[in-house]
Structures are given as structure tokens and as C-alpha cells.
C-alpha atoms as a PDB file:
ATOM      1  CA  GLN A   1      42.982  94.835 105.940  1.00  0.00           C
ATOM      2  CA  VAL A   2      44.809  91.750 104.081  1.00  0.00           C
ATOM      3  CA  GLN A   3      48.607  91.295 105.153  1.00  0.00           C
ATOM      4  CA  VAL A   4      51.041  89.357 103.809  1.00  0.00           C
ATOM      5  CA  VAL A   5      54.175  89.164 106.166  1.00  0.00           C
ATOM      6  CA  GLU A   6      57.315  87.388 105.137  1.00  0.00           C
ATOM      7  CA  SER A   7      59.794  85.826 107.725  1.00  0.00           C
ATOM      8  CA  GLY A   8      62.977  83.864 107.930  1.00  0.00           C
ATOM      9  CA  GLY A   9      65.704  85.865 105.932  1.00  0.00           C
ATOM     10  CA  GLY A  10      69.152  86.333 107.127  1.00  0.00           C
ATOM     11  CA  LEU A  11      73.002  85.781 106.228  1.00  0.00           C
ATOM     12  CA  VAL A  12      74.125  82.326 105.632  1.00  0.00           C
ATOM     13  CA  GLN A  13      77.179  80.624 104.167  1.00  0.00           C
ATOM     14  CA  PRO A  14      77.664  79.071 100.993  1.00  0.00           C
ATOM     15  CA  GLY A  15      76.281  75.566 101.227  1.00  0.00           C
ATOM     16  CA  GLY A  16      73.507  76.539 104.688  1.00  0.00           C
ATOM     17  CA  SER A  17      70.005  76.338 104.721  1.00  0.00           C
ATOM     18  CA  LEU A  18      67.122  79.161 105.574  1.00  0.00           C
ATOM     19  CA  ARG A  19      63.135  78.439 105.540  1.00  0.00           C
ATOM     20  CA  LEU A  20      61.137  81.433 104.981  1.00  0.00           C
ATOM     21  CA  SER A  21      57.534  81.942 106.288  1.00  0.00           C
ATOM     22  CA  CYS A  22      54.671  83.389 104.989  1.00  0.00           C
ATOM     23  CA  ALA A  23      51.914  84.477 106.655  1.00  0.00           C
ATOM     24  CA  VAL A  24      48.558  85.919 105.225  1.00  0.00           C
ATOM     25  CA  SER A  25      45.836  87.433 107.290  1.00  0.00           C
ATOM     26  CA  GLY A  26      42.972  89.128 106.858  1.00  0.00           C
ATOM     27  CA  ARG A  27      40.129  88.416 104.461  1.00  0.00           C
ATOM     28  CA  ILE A  28      40.253  86.811 101.085  1.00  0.00           C
ATOM     29  CA  SER A  29      37.532  85.659  99.034  1.00  0.00           C
ATOM     30  CA  SER A  30      39.614  82.442  97.353  1.00  0.00           C
ATOM     31  CA  ILE A  31      43.250  82.028  96.960  1.00  0.00           C
ATOM     32  CA  ASN A  32      44.113  80.491  94.207  1.00  0.00           C
ATOM     33  CA  ALA A  33      47.918  79.987  94.538  1.00  0.00           C
ATOM     34  CA  MET A  34      50.718  81.108  96.895  1.00  0.00           C
ATOM     35  CA  GLY A  35      54.560  81.964  95.700  1.00  0.00           C
ATOM     36  CA  TRP A  36      58.128  83.075  96.413  1.00  0.00           C
ATOM     37  CA  TYR A  37      59.626  85.401  94.158  1.00  0.00           C
ATOM     38  CA  ARG A  38      63.005  87.169  94.417  1.00  0.00           C
ATOM     39  CA  GLN A  39      65.148  90.579  93.363  1.00  0.00           C
ATOM     40  CA  ALA A  40      68.729  91.186  93.446  1.00  0.00           C
ATOM     41  CA  PRO A  41      69.718  94.581  92.519  1.00  0.00           C
ATOM     42  CA  GLY A  42      69.533  95.551  89.442  1.00  0.00           C
ATOM     43  CA  LYS A  43      67.368  92.562  88.185  1.00  0.00           C
ATOM     44  CA  ALA A  44      63.572  92.600  87.714  1.00  0.00           C
ATOM     45  CA  ARG A  45      61.493  89.841  90.181  1.00  0.00           C
ATOM     46  CA  ASP A  46      61.711  86.424  89.137  1.00  0.00           C
ATOM     47  CA  LEU A  47      59.701  82.930  90.101  1.00  0.00           C
ATOM     48  CA  VAL A  48      60.777  80.962  92.888  1.00  0.00           C
ATOM     49  CA  ALA A  49      58.480  78.763  93.156  1.00  0.00           C
ATOM     50  CA  ARG A  50      54.767  78.783  93.342  1.00  0.00           C
ATOM     51  CA  ILE A  51      52.103  76.682  94.942  1.00  0.00           C
ATOM     52  CA  ILE A  52      48.476  75.867  93.527  1.00  0.00           C
ATOM     53  CA  SER A  53      45.562  75.541  95.207  1.00  0.00           C
ATOM     54  CA  GLY A  54      45.074  71.597  94.369  1.00  0.00           C
ATOM     55  CA  GLY A  55      48.889  71.232  95.502  1.00  0.00           C
ATOM     56  CA  SER A  56      50.850  71.335  91.995  1.00  0.00           C
ATOM     57  CA  THR A  57      54.150  73.256  92.459  1.00  0.00           C
ATOM     58  CA  ILE A  58      56.347  75.193  90.179  1.00  0.00           C
ATOM     59  CA  TYR A  59      59.745  75.807  90.639  1.00  0.00           C
ATOM     60  CA  ALA A  60      62.073  78.372  88.636  1.00  0.00           C
ATOM     61  CA  ASP A  61      65.057  75.922  87.187  1.00  0.00           C
ATOM     62  CA  SER A  62      67.825  77.115  88.908  1.00  0.00           C
ATOM     63  CA  VAL A  63      66.543  75.900  92.475  1.00  0.00           C
ATOM     64  CA  LYS A  64      64.938  73.089  91.523  1.00  0.00           C
ATOM     65  CA  GLY A  65      66.396  70.310  94.054  1.00  0.00           C
ATOM     66  CA  ARG A  66      67.482  72.901  96.086  1.00  0.00           C
ATOM     67  CA  PHE A  67      64.012  75.012  97.643  1.00  0.00           C
ATOM     68  CA  THR A  68      61.222  73.675  98.665  1.00  0.00           C
ATOM     69  CA  ILE A  69      57.622  74.759  98.887  1.00  0.00           C
ATOM     70  CA  SER A  70      55.071  74.155 101.205  1.00  0.00           C
ATOM     71  CA  ARG A  71      51.397  75.174 101.946  1.00  0.00           C
ATOM     72  CA  ASP A  72      48.969  75.082 105.597  1.00  0.00           C
ATOM     73  CA  ASN A  73      45.727  75.531 104.274  1.00  0.00           C
ATOM     74  CA  ALA A  74      44.524  76.338 107.368  1.00  0.00           C
ATOM     75  CA  LYS A  75      46.854  78.789 108.369  1.00  0.00           C
ATOM     76  CA  ASN A  76      47.095  80.432 104.855  1.00  0.00           C
ATOM     77  CA  THR A  77      50.575  79.793 105.854  1.00  0.00           C
ATOM     78  CA  VAL A  78      53.417  79.251 103.168  1.00  0.00           C
ATOM     79  CA  TYR A  79      57.048  78.248 103.649  1.00  0.00           C
ATOM     80  CA  LEU A  80      60.116  77.853 101.304  1.00  0.00           C
ATOM     81  CA  GLN A  81      62.589  75.775 102.447  1.00  0.00           C
ATOM     82  CA  MET A  82      65.814  76.692 101.116  1.00  0.00           C
ATOM     83  CA  ASN A  83      68.952  74.350 101.065  1.00  0.00           C
ATOM     84  CA  SER A  84      72.397  74.286  99.572  1.00  0.00           C
ATOM     85  CA  LEU A  85      72.398  78.406  98.923  1.00  0.00           C
ATOM     86  CA  LYS A  86      74.297  79.907  96.783  1.00  0.00           C
ATOM     87  CA  PRO A  87      75.786  83.170  96.513  1.00  0.00           C
ATOM     88  CA  GLU A  88      73.697  84.178  93.545  1.00  0.00           C
ATOM     89  CA  ASP A  89      70.481  83.179  95.510  1.00  0.00           C
ATOM     90  CA  THR A  90      71.398  86.471  97.304  1.00  0.00           C
ATOM     91  CA  ALA A  91      68.088  88.666  96.716  1.00  0.00           C
ATOM     92  CA  VAL A  92      65.231  89.866  98.644  1.00  0.00           C
ATOM     93  CA  TYR A  93      62.427  87.375  98.569  1.00  0.00           C
ATOM     94  CA  TYR A  94      58.923  88.702  98.120  1.00  0.00           C
ATOM     95  CA  CYS A  95      55.783  86.392  99.081  1.00  0.00           C
ATOM     96  CA  GLY A  96      52.951  86.767  96.408  1.00  0.00           C
ATOM     97  CA  VAL A  97      49.318  85.987  96.942  1.00  0.00           C
ATOM     98  CA  LEU A  98      46.572  85.261  93.678  1.00  0.00           C
ATOM     99  CA  ALA A  99      43.799  85.609  94.686  1.00  0.00           C
ATOM    100  CA  VAL A 100      40.400  84.926  92.676  1.00  0.00           C
ATOM    101  CA  VAL A 101      38.578  88.348  92.912  1.00  0.00           C
ATOM    102  CA  ALA A 102      40.306  91.780  93.140  1.00  0.00           C
ATOM    103  CA  PRO A 103      42.651  92.694  93.924  1.00  0.00           C
ATOM    104  CA  TYR A 104      44.196  89.771  92.230  1.00  0.00           C
ATOM    105  CA  ASP A 105      47.361  89.774  93.998  1.00  0.00           C
ATOM    106  CA  TYR A 106      49.080  90.982  97.091  1.00  0.00           C
ATOM    107  CA  TRP A 107      52.764  91.179  98.246  1.00  0.00           C
ATOM    108  CA  GLY A 108      54.798  90.951 101.473  1.00  0.00           C
ATOM    109  CA  GLN A 109      57.622  93.969 102.181  1.00  0.00           C
ATOM    110  CA  GLY A 110      59.799  91.018 101.348  1.00  0.00           C
ATOM    111  CA  THR A 111      62.750  89.463 103.737  1.00  0.00           C
ATOM    112  CA  GLN A 112      66.467  89.492 102.533  1.00  0.00           C
ATOM    113  CA  VAL A 113      68.350  86.382 102.358  1.00  0.00           C
ATOM    114  CA  THR A 114      72.227  87.023 102.060  1.00  0.00           C
ATOM    115  CA  VAL A 115      74.729  84.232 100.847  1.00  0.00           C
ATOM    116  CA  SER A 116      78.081  85.362 101.452  1.00  0.00           C
ATOM    117  CA  SER A 117      81.269  83.363 102.762  1.00  0.00           C
END
């Protein structure tokens, strides 16, 4: 049984910081990439940041310079450090895992991030 569990969300004021964690447990033959996505009400789920097996990272333009994705391979855990948060960052943040074999993707339940004064 593969589980993807996010944690670290909450309510913060504009300019504040949060650190999200995504822990993956269970058997996955090979993980190609792990990433963070977010979905605001009435919006599509968008890529926030992704890290691939070789360590390369991709960020959405809206978060570059503010968010940092990192990974602990031994723990199959990925983190998202979010600084200088803005109200428009408010969304449910999901951790996604891309595996080499089927089923090819796994998702967590999401963690709510609310940025408000």
C-alpha cells in the first residue's frame, strides 16, 4: 500500500513562511520525480515545483525566488520551503509522485495553505 502524506500547511500572514513535507511510504519500484502542485477554488491544479531523480528542479514562474523544493532520497520525502508568502499563494497543496511503472502517479490528500492578514 503506497501512501503519500503531506503536512505543514496552515494559516500565515502575508510575508510569512511555511515548510511543507511530503512523506511517501510503501513499495514503489522507482520514483522518477516528486513535486508539489496547488489548486485554488475554481482553478486547475498547477505545478508549483518539481524535482527529478538527478536533482534538477523546475519552478512555476510565480514562485521562483520564494519557494525551494528539496528531497531526502533515503526517506522518500520531499519538502517545499515557502517564503514571502502572498495571498495569491492560498490553495490546497498536493504532493505528487511520478513512478516508472504503473500506476504511474500517486497523490496525497492535500494540505491547506491560507495566506491572509
